[in-house]
Amino acid sequence: MRRIPRVFTIPAGTPFLDTFTAAFFDGTLFDSAPLTPAQTAAARIFVPTRRAATALTAALAARPGSMLLPGI
C-alpha cells in the first residue's frame, strides 16, 4: 500500500494557534469530518516546549464547545 504524505501548512502571517485549533476541531487536519468529543480526548499532540503546551492548551480550551481536550 502506498502512503500519501500528509502535510498541513499554515501561511506566514496567519495566527498559528488559532489556525491549528480550527483545523484540529473541524477535521481539516485529518481530512475527516469534525472530531467527536471521544476522538478529541483520544488525540495526542506533541509540542517542543512546556510554554508551547501551555499556549496550545489555552487556545484549545478557548474554542466554543470544547469540553474534552487532547493530551498535549
C-alpha atoms as a PDB file:
ATOM      1  CA  MET A   1       0.000   0.000   0.000  1.00  0.00           C
ATOM      2  CA  ARG A   2       1.389   3.371  -0.996  1.00  0.00           C
ATOM      3  CA  ARG A   3       1.267   6.061   1.693  1.00  0.00           C
ATOM      4  CA  ILE A   4       0.441   9.594   0.676  1.00  0.00           C
ATOM      5  CA  PRO A   5       2.331  12.142   2.770  1.00  0.00           C
ATOM      6  CA  ARG A   6       0.106  14.498   4.702  1.00  0.00           C
ATOM      7  CA  VAL A   7       1.491  17.943   5.274  1.00  0.00           C
ATOM      8  CA  PHE A   8      -0.527  20.692   6.871  1.00  0.00           C
ATOM      9  CA  THR A   9       0.890  24.144   6.313  1.00  0.00           C
ATOM     10  CA  ILE A  10      -0.088  27.444   7.822  1.00  0.00           C
ATOM     11  CA  PRO A  11       0.672  30.541   5.720  1.00  0.00           C
ATOM     12  CA  ALA A  12       3.107  33.103   7.076  1.00  0.00           C
ATOM     13  CA  GLY A  13       1.399  35.939   8.884  1.00  0.00           C
ATOM     14  CA  THR A  14      -1.524  33.762   9.924  1.00  0.00           C
ATOM     15  CA  PRO A  15      -2.078  33.277  13.675  1.00  0.00           C
ATOM     16  CA  PHE A  16      -0.668  29.786  14.227  1.00  0.00           C
ATOM     17  CA  LEU A  17      -2.621  28.642  17.283  1.00  0.00           C
ATOM     18  CA  ASP A  18      -5.975  29.926  16.011  1.00  0.00           C
ATOM     19  CA  THR A  19      -5.454  28.263  12.626  1.00  0.00           C
ATOM     20  CA  PHE A  20      -4.208  24.998  14.132  1.00  0.00           C
ATOM     21  CA  THR A  21      -7.055  24.681  16.633  1.00  0.00           C
ATOM     22  CA  ALA A  22      -9.674  25.425  13.979  1.00  0.00           C
ATOM     23  CA  ALA A  23      -8.160  22.780  11.677  1.00  0.00           C
ATOM     24  CA  PHE A  24      -7.913  20.309  14.564  1.00  0.00           C
ATOM     25  CA  PHE A  25     -11.560  20.592  15.596  1.00  0.00           C
ATOM     26  CA  ASP A  26     -13.154  20.874  12.145  1.00  0.00           C
ATOM     27  CA  GLY A  27     -11.311  17.843  10.718  1.00  0.00           C
ATOM     28  CA  THR A  28      -9.165  19.686   8.154  1.00  0.00           C
ATOM     29  CA  LEU A  29      -6.015  18.461   9.870  1.00  0.00           C
ATOM     30  CA  PHE A  30      -7.056  14.829   9.394  1.00  0.00           C
ATOM     31  CA  ASP A  31      -9.035  15.014   6.125  1.00  0.00           C
ATOM     32  CA  SER A  32     -12.132  13.883   8.002  1.00  0.00           C
ATOM     33  CA  ALA A  33     -15.379  15.082   9.454  1.00  0.00           C
ATOM     34  CA  PRO A  34     -15.240  17.227  12.595  1.00  0.00           C
ATOM     35  CA  LEU A  35     -13.883  15.320  15.570  1.00  0.00           C
ATOM     36  CA  THR A  36     -16.219  13.841  18.133  1.00  0.00           C
ATOM     37  CA  PRO A  37     -15.502  14.545  21.813  1.00  0.00           C
ATOM     38  CA  ALA A  38     -14.166  10.982  22.193  1.00  0.00           C
ATOM     39  CA  GLN A  39     -11.792  11.425  19.243  1.00  0.00           C
ATOM     40  CA  THR A  40     -10.636  14.749  20.626  1.00  0.00           C
ATOM     41  CA  ALA A  41      -9.890  13.225  24.022  1.00  0.00           C
ATOM     42  CA  ALA A  42      -8.036  10.288  22.411  1.00  0.00           C
ATOM     43  CA  ALA A  43      -5.762  12.542  20.329  1.00  0.00           C
ATOM     44  CA  ARG A  44      -2.171  13.234  21.329  1.00  0.00           C
ATOM     45  CA  ILE A  45      -0.363  16.416  20.228  1.00  0.00           C
ATOM     46  CA  PHE A  46       3.381  16.747  20.652  1.00  0.00           C
ATOM     47  CA  VAL A  47       4.926  20.183  21.076  1.00  0.00           C
ATOM     48  CA  PRO A  48       8.565  21.157  21.683  1.00  0.00           C
ATOM     49  CA  THR A  49       8.294  23.039  24.997  1.00  0.00           C
ATOM     50  CA  ARG A  50       6.122  23.460  28.083  1.00  0.00           C
ATOM     51  CA  ARG A  51       5.454  27.027  27.021  1.00  0.00           C
ATOM     52  CA  ALA A  52       4.059  25.756  23.710  1.00  0.00           C
ATOM     53  CA  ALA A  53       1.942  23.198  25.581  1.00  0.00           C
ATOM     54  CA  THR A  54       0.515  25.897  27.837  1.00  0.00           C
ATOM     55  CA  ALA A  55      -0.319  28.167  24.893  1.00  0.00           C
ATOM     56  CA  LEU A  56      -1.893  25.307  22.909  1.00  0.00           C
ATOM     57  CA  THR A  57      -3.951  24.174  25.894  1.00  0.00           C
ATOM     58  CA  ALA A  58      -5.287  27.710  26.340  1.00  0.00           C
ATOM     59  CA  ALA A  59      -6.113  28.013  22.630  1.00  0.00           C
ATOM     60  CA  LEU A  60      -7.909  24.657  22.560  1.00  0.00           C
ATOM     61  CA  ALA A  61      -9.850  25.400  25.748  1.00  0.00           C
ATOM     62  CA  ALA A  62     -10.961  28.781  24.378  1.00  0.00           C
ATOM     63  CA  ARG A  63     -12.773  27.145  21.462  1.00  0.00           C
ATOM     64  CA  PRO A  64     -16.557  27.182  21.913  1.00  0.00           C
ATOM     65  CA  GLY A  65     -17.886  23.763  22.832  1.00  0.00           C
ATOM     66  CA  SER A  66     -14.516  22.236  23.694  1.00  0.00           C
ATOM     67  CA  MET A  67     -15.113  20.106  26.765  1.00  0.00           C
ATOM     68  CA  LEU A  68     -12.561  17.354  26.334  1.00  0.00           C
ATOM     69  CA  LEU A  69      -9.030  18.294  25.367  1.00  0.00           C
ATOM     70  CA  PRO A  70      -6.414  16.107  23.710  1.00  0.00           C
ATOM     71  CA  GLY A  71      -3.281  15.024  25.515  1.00  0.00           C
ATOM     72  CA  ILE A  72      -0.532  17.549  24.951  1.00  0.00           C
END
